[in-house]
Protein backbone atom coordinates (compact mmCIF):
# COMPACT_ATOMS: atom_id res chain seq x y z
CA MET A 1 52.71 82.70 223.69
CA HIS A 2 49.47 81.79 221.85
CA THR A 3 48.34 78.31 221.30
CA HIS A 4 48.41 78.67 217.40
CA THR A 5 52.08 79.41 217.26
CA ILE A 6 53.16 76.60 218.87
CA ALA A 7 53.45 73.31 217.03
CA PRO A 8 51.69 70.08 218.36
CA VAL A 9 53.75 67.29 220.08
CA VAL A 10 52.66 63.96 219.51
CA LEU A 11 52.91 62.24 223.01
CA ASP A 12 51.74 58.79 221.68
CA ARG A 13 50.60 57.23 218.38
CA ARG A 14 49.11 53.83 218.33
CA GLU A 15 47.38 51.65 215.58
CA GLY A 16 44.25 49.72 216.67
CA PRO A 17 41.50 47.74 215.22
CA HIS A 18 39.74 50.76 214.15
CA GLY A 19 42.86 52.78 212.90
CA GLU A 20 45.64 55.02 214.12
CA VAL A 21 44.71 57.25 217.29
CA VAL A 22 47.14 59.87 218.48
CA LEU A 23 47.40 61.98 221.70
CA ARG A 24 49.11 65.23 221.18
CA ARG A 25 49.84 68.27 223.17
CA HIS A 26 49.48 71.58 221.61
CA GLY A 27 50.61 74.37 224.26
CA GLU A 28 48.69 73.74 227.28
CA LEU A 29 46.21 71.65 225.64
CA LEU A 30 45.74 67.79 225.35
CA GLN A 31 44.35 66.40 221.61
CA ILE A 32 42.71 63.22 220.69
CA ILE A 33 43.19 62.61 216.90
CA ALA A 34 41.69 59.27 214.94
CA ASN A 35 42.48 58.49 211.64
CA GLY A 36 43.55 61.82 211.13
CA CYS A 37 40.48 63.55 212.15
CA PHE A 38 40.39 65.68 215.18
CA LEU A 39 38.14 64.54 217.91
CA MET A 40 38.24 66.71 220.91
CA ASP A 41 40.85 68.42 223.24
CA THR A 42 41.08 69.61 226.89
CA SER A 43 40.35 73.54 225.74
CA ASP A 44 36.57 73.52 227.12
CA GLY A 45 34.31 71.13 227.93
CA ARG A 46 31.38 72.91 227.67
CA SER A 47 29.88 70.70 225.15
CA GLU A 48 30.56 67.64 226.87
CA ARG A 49 29.13 68.76 230.20
CA LEU A 50 26.00 70.26 228.48
CA LEU A 51 25.35 66.83 226.77
CA VAL A 52 25.05 65.05 230.30
CA ASP A 53 22.95 67.83 231.85
CA ALA A 54 20.49 67.87 228.90
CA ALA A 55 20.14 64.16 229.22
CA ARG A 56 19.35 64.60 233.15
CA ASP A 57 17.21 67.49 232.44
CA ALA A 58 15.13 65.72 230.24
CA LEU A 59 14.23 62.76 232.66
CA ASP A 60 11.44 62.53 235.14
CA ASP A 61 12.06 62.70 239.01
CA ARG A 62 13.34 58.83 238.89
CA PRO A 63 15.86 58.10 241.88
CA SER A 64 19.78 57.42 240.81
CA PRO A 65 19.13 57.12 237.21
CA ALA A 66 21.79 54.73 235.37
CA LEU A 67 23.77 56.75 232.73
CA LEU A 68 25.98 55.32 229.58
CA ILE A 69 28.14 57.55 228.35
CA GLY A 70 29.36 56.36 224.80
CA GLY A 71 32.98 57.52 224.01
CA LEU A 72 35.55 58.69 227.16
CA GLY A 73 37.22 61.15 224.95
CA VAL A 74 39.08 63.68 227.35
CA GLY A 75 36.81 62.66 230.04
CA PHE A 76 34.88 65.96 230.65
CA SER A 77 31.50 63.97 230.26
CA LEU A 78 32.62 61.40 232.94
CA ALA A 79 33.82 63.99 235.13
CA HIS A 80 30.92 65.98 235.21
CA ALA A 81 28.53 63.01 235.64
CA VAL A 82 30.33 61.73 238.69
CA ALA A 83 30.31 65.23 240.00
CA ASP A 84 26.55 65.34 239.99
CA PRO A 85 25.10 62.95 243.15
CA ARG A 86 21.76 62.61 241.30
CA TRP A 87 23.29 59.80 238.65
CA GLY A 88 23.41 56.14 239.81
CA ARG A 89 25.39 53.92 237.83
CA ILE A 90 27.71 55.29 235.24
CA ASP A 91 28.98 53.04 232.53
CA VAL A 92 31.34 54.40 230.01
CA VAL A 93 31.80 52.88 226.67
CA GLU A 94 35.19 53.09 224.81
CA ARG A 95 36.61 51.00 222.17
CA GLU A 96 40.08 52.20 222.01
CA ASP A 97 42.37 50.84 224.55
CA ALA A 98 45.00 53.48 223.97
CA ILE A 99 42.37 56.11 225.09
CA ILE A 100 41.68 53.99 228.18
CA GLY A 101 45.44 53.87 228.95
CA TRP A 102 45.78 57.56 228.70
CA HIS A 103 43.28 57.98 231.27
CA ARG A 104 44.33 55.17 233.90
CA GLU A 105 48.08 55.95 233.59
CA GLY A 106 48.64 58.35 231.20
CA PRO A 107 48.42 62.30 230.74
CA LEU A 108 44.64 62.27 230.98
CA ALA A 109 44.81 60.57 234.34
CA GLU A 110 44.76 64.28 235.84
CA LEU A 111 41.23 65.05 234.50
CA SER A 112 39.89 61.64 235.17
CA GLY A 113 41.66 60.05 237.99
CA VAL A 114 38.92 60.95 240.58
CA ALA A 115 35.97 59.96 238.59
CA LEU A 116 37.16 56.69 237.73
CA ALA A 117 37.64 56.38 241.32
CA ASP A 118 34.20 56.68 241.94
CA PRO A 119 32.29 53.59 242.83
CA ARG A 120 29.53 54.27 240.42
CA ALA A 121 31.42 54.63 237.60
CA GLN A 122 33.19 52.09 235.38
CA ILE A 123 34.74 51.59 231.76
CA LEU A 124 33.58 48.92 229.53
CA HIS A 125 36.28 48.45 226.94
CA THR A 126 34.09 47.36 224.09
CA ASP A 127 32.70 48.97 220.58
CA LEU A 128 29.40 51.01 221.33
CA VAL A 129 27.53 49.91 218.31
CA THR A 130 28.42 46.58 219.23
CA TYR A 131 27.50 47.21 222.94
CA LEU A 132 24.31 48.45 221.82
CA SER A 133 23.07 45.75 219.76
CA GLY A 134 23.72 43.24 222.59
CA ALA A 135 26.34 41.54 220.29
CA GLY A 136 29.42 41.62 222.18
CA GLU A 137 30.68 39.74 224.73
CA THR A 138 29.76 42.30 227.61
CA PRO A 139 25.98 41.50 228.26
CA ALA A 140 24.50 44.93 227.51
CA ASP A 141 22.32 46.39 230.42
CA THR A 142 19.58 48.90 230.12
CA TYR A 143 20.03 52.50 231.32
CA ASP A 144 17.71 55.88 231.84
CA ALA A 145 20.03 57.86 229.71
CA LEU A 146 22.80 57.32 226.84
CA CYS A 147 25.02 60.15 226.07
CA LEU A 148 26.63 59.34 222.81
CA ASP A 149 29.65 61.55 221.80
CA ILE A 150 32.09 59.22 219.61
CA ASP A 151 31.78 61.20 216.30
CA ASN A 152 31.55 64.63 215.40
CA GLY A 153 28.10 64.20 214.67
CA PRO A 154 25.61 61.69 212.62
CA GLY A 155 27.04 63.19 209.53
CA TRP A 156 30.84 63.26 210.36
CA THR A 157 31.98 59.80 211.51
CA VAL A 158 35.26 58.85 212.75
CA THR A 159 35.00 55.53 211.22
CA GLU A 160 32.39 54.16 208.56
CA GLY A 161 31.15 51.46 210.94
CA ASN A 162 29.79 54.05 213.17
CA ASN A 163 27.30 55.00 210.79
CA SER A 164 24.96 52.10 211.44
CA LEU A 165 24.72 53.67 215.19
CA TYR A 166 22.64 56.64 213.40
CA SER A 167 20.70 54.18 211.14
CA PRO A 168 17.20 52.91 211.78
CA ALA A 169 18.53 49.92 213.37
CA GLY A 170 20.97 51.82 215.34
CA LEU A 171 18.50 53.88 216.74
CA ALA A 172 16.21 51.03 217.36
CA ALA A 173 18.97 49.23 219.45
CA CYS A 174 19.50 52.84 221.34
CA LYS A 175 15.79 52.66 222.55
CA ALA A 176 16.09 49.03 223.51
CA ARG A 177 18.57 49.85 225.66
CA LEU A 178 16.45 52.50 227.33
CA ASN A 179 14.24 52.20 230.38
CA PRO A 180 10.77 53.60 229.51
CA GLY A 181 11.16 57.46 229.65
CA GLY A 182 14.69 57.35 229.35
CA VAL A 183 16.49 59.70 227.41
CA LEU A 184 19.03 59.36 224.18
CA ALA A 185 21.25 62.55 223.75
CA VAL A 186 23.59 62.70 220.74
CA TRP A 187 26.43 65.35 220.53
CA SER A 188 27.03 66.65 217.10
CA ALA A 189 29.51 69.41 215.88
CA GLN A 190 26.44 70.97 213.43
CA PRO A 191 22.49 70.66 213.48
CA SER A 192 20.79 68.14 211.34
CA SER A 193 17.10 68.26 210.86
CA ALA A 194 17.67 64.83 209.00
CA PHE A 195 18.71 63.30 212.17
CA ASP A 196 16.00 64.74 214.24
CA ASP A 197 13.43 63.37 211.89
CA ALA A 198 15.32 59.71 212.03
CA LEU A 199 14.84 60.02 215.82
CA ARG A 200 11.19 60.68 215.09
CA ASN A 201 10.94 57.90 212.71
CA ALA A 202 12.39 55.69 215.10
CA GLY A 203 9.92 56.16 217.77
CA PHE A 204 11.43 59.18 220.11
CA GLN A 205 9.26 61.40 221.67
CA ARG A 206 9.85 65.14 222.47
CA VAL A 207 12.85 65.37 219.64
CA ARG A 208 14.53 68.81 219.97
CA THR A 209 18.01 70.05 219.43
CA GLU A 210 19.87 72.16 222.22
CA GLU A 211 22.38 74.54 220.88
CA ILE A 212 26.16 75.14 222.32
CA PRO A 213 27.65 78.51 221.11
CA VAL A 214 31.16 78.34 219.99
CA ALA A 215 33.43 80.79 219.07
CA ARG A 216 32.65 80.92 215.69
CA GLY A 217 30.80 79.10 212.82
CA VAL A 218 27.49 76.86 213.41
CA PRO A 219 27.03 76.19 217.29
CA ASP A 220 27.68 72.63 218.48
CA VAL A 221 24.47 70.87 219.34
CA VAL A 222 22.84 68.06 221.34
CA HIS A 223 19.97 65.97 219.89
CA LEU A 224 17.71 64.75 222.30
CA GLY A 225 14.96 62.42 222.11
CA VAL A 226 12.77 60.40 224.66
CA ARG A 227 11.65 56.78 224.98
CA ALA A 228 7.58 56.65 225.78
CA ALA A 229 7.05 55.98 228.97
C-alpha cells in the first residue's frame, strides 16, 4: 500500500516554549511537524547528507575540523557526519526537548543511537540563535563548519524568532563562531538570490548555491559561504 493512502498516526505531541511539536508515523515514515509546518521526515536524507558534505568539501585540508549542526531533525545530518572520520568534534544544537527525547529513548533512536554514542558527538539543548550570539547559558565555541537546518529556508522560518538568524546581525554571529577559512552552509527548500547577497554583504567569500534535485518542483539547495582566512 502506498504511503499517501494511509492516514498519519500521531506518536507524540508536545507543547514547548516555541509552540507545538509533533512526531507522527505515516506508513513507514516518521515525520516531525512544528507549529503545523512540516519540517522533515525519514524518507530520504539526501539533502541532510549533502549539507554536511558540501561544508566539508568547501574546507581546506585542516585536520579534524569542528562541526556545528543546527537542528537535530530526524538525525540524518548527525549520523552522516559521525560516519565520516574526517570530522573532529561534532556539536548538535537542538532547542526542542521533545526532539532530543525522541532520539535518546524514542522512535528516532534507531536512526541516531550509534551516532549519539560516538565520543565526538554531543547535543547542546539550547536555541541556535541564542547560542550563536553567545547570549545563552552554554558558552558558544568556535567551529570550522556550521551546517544550519532549522527552517525550510531563510524565507520560510518555523518560528518568527528564527528570522534574526538570516539578518545581518545573525550572519555576523555565524561568522564570529567560525574559525578563519570556516564554512557556513544553510539548507533551504528553495533558492534565494537575496540570501546569497546577504551572505556577501556579511563578508562571506566564495558564496554559492548547490542544488539538490527533488522528485517534483524546485530543487532544494544549500547556500554556502566561507569566512576569510
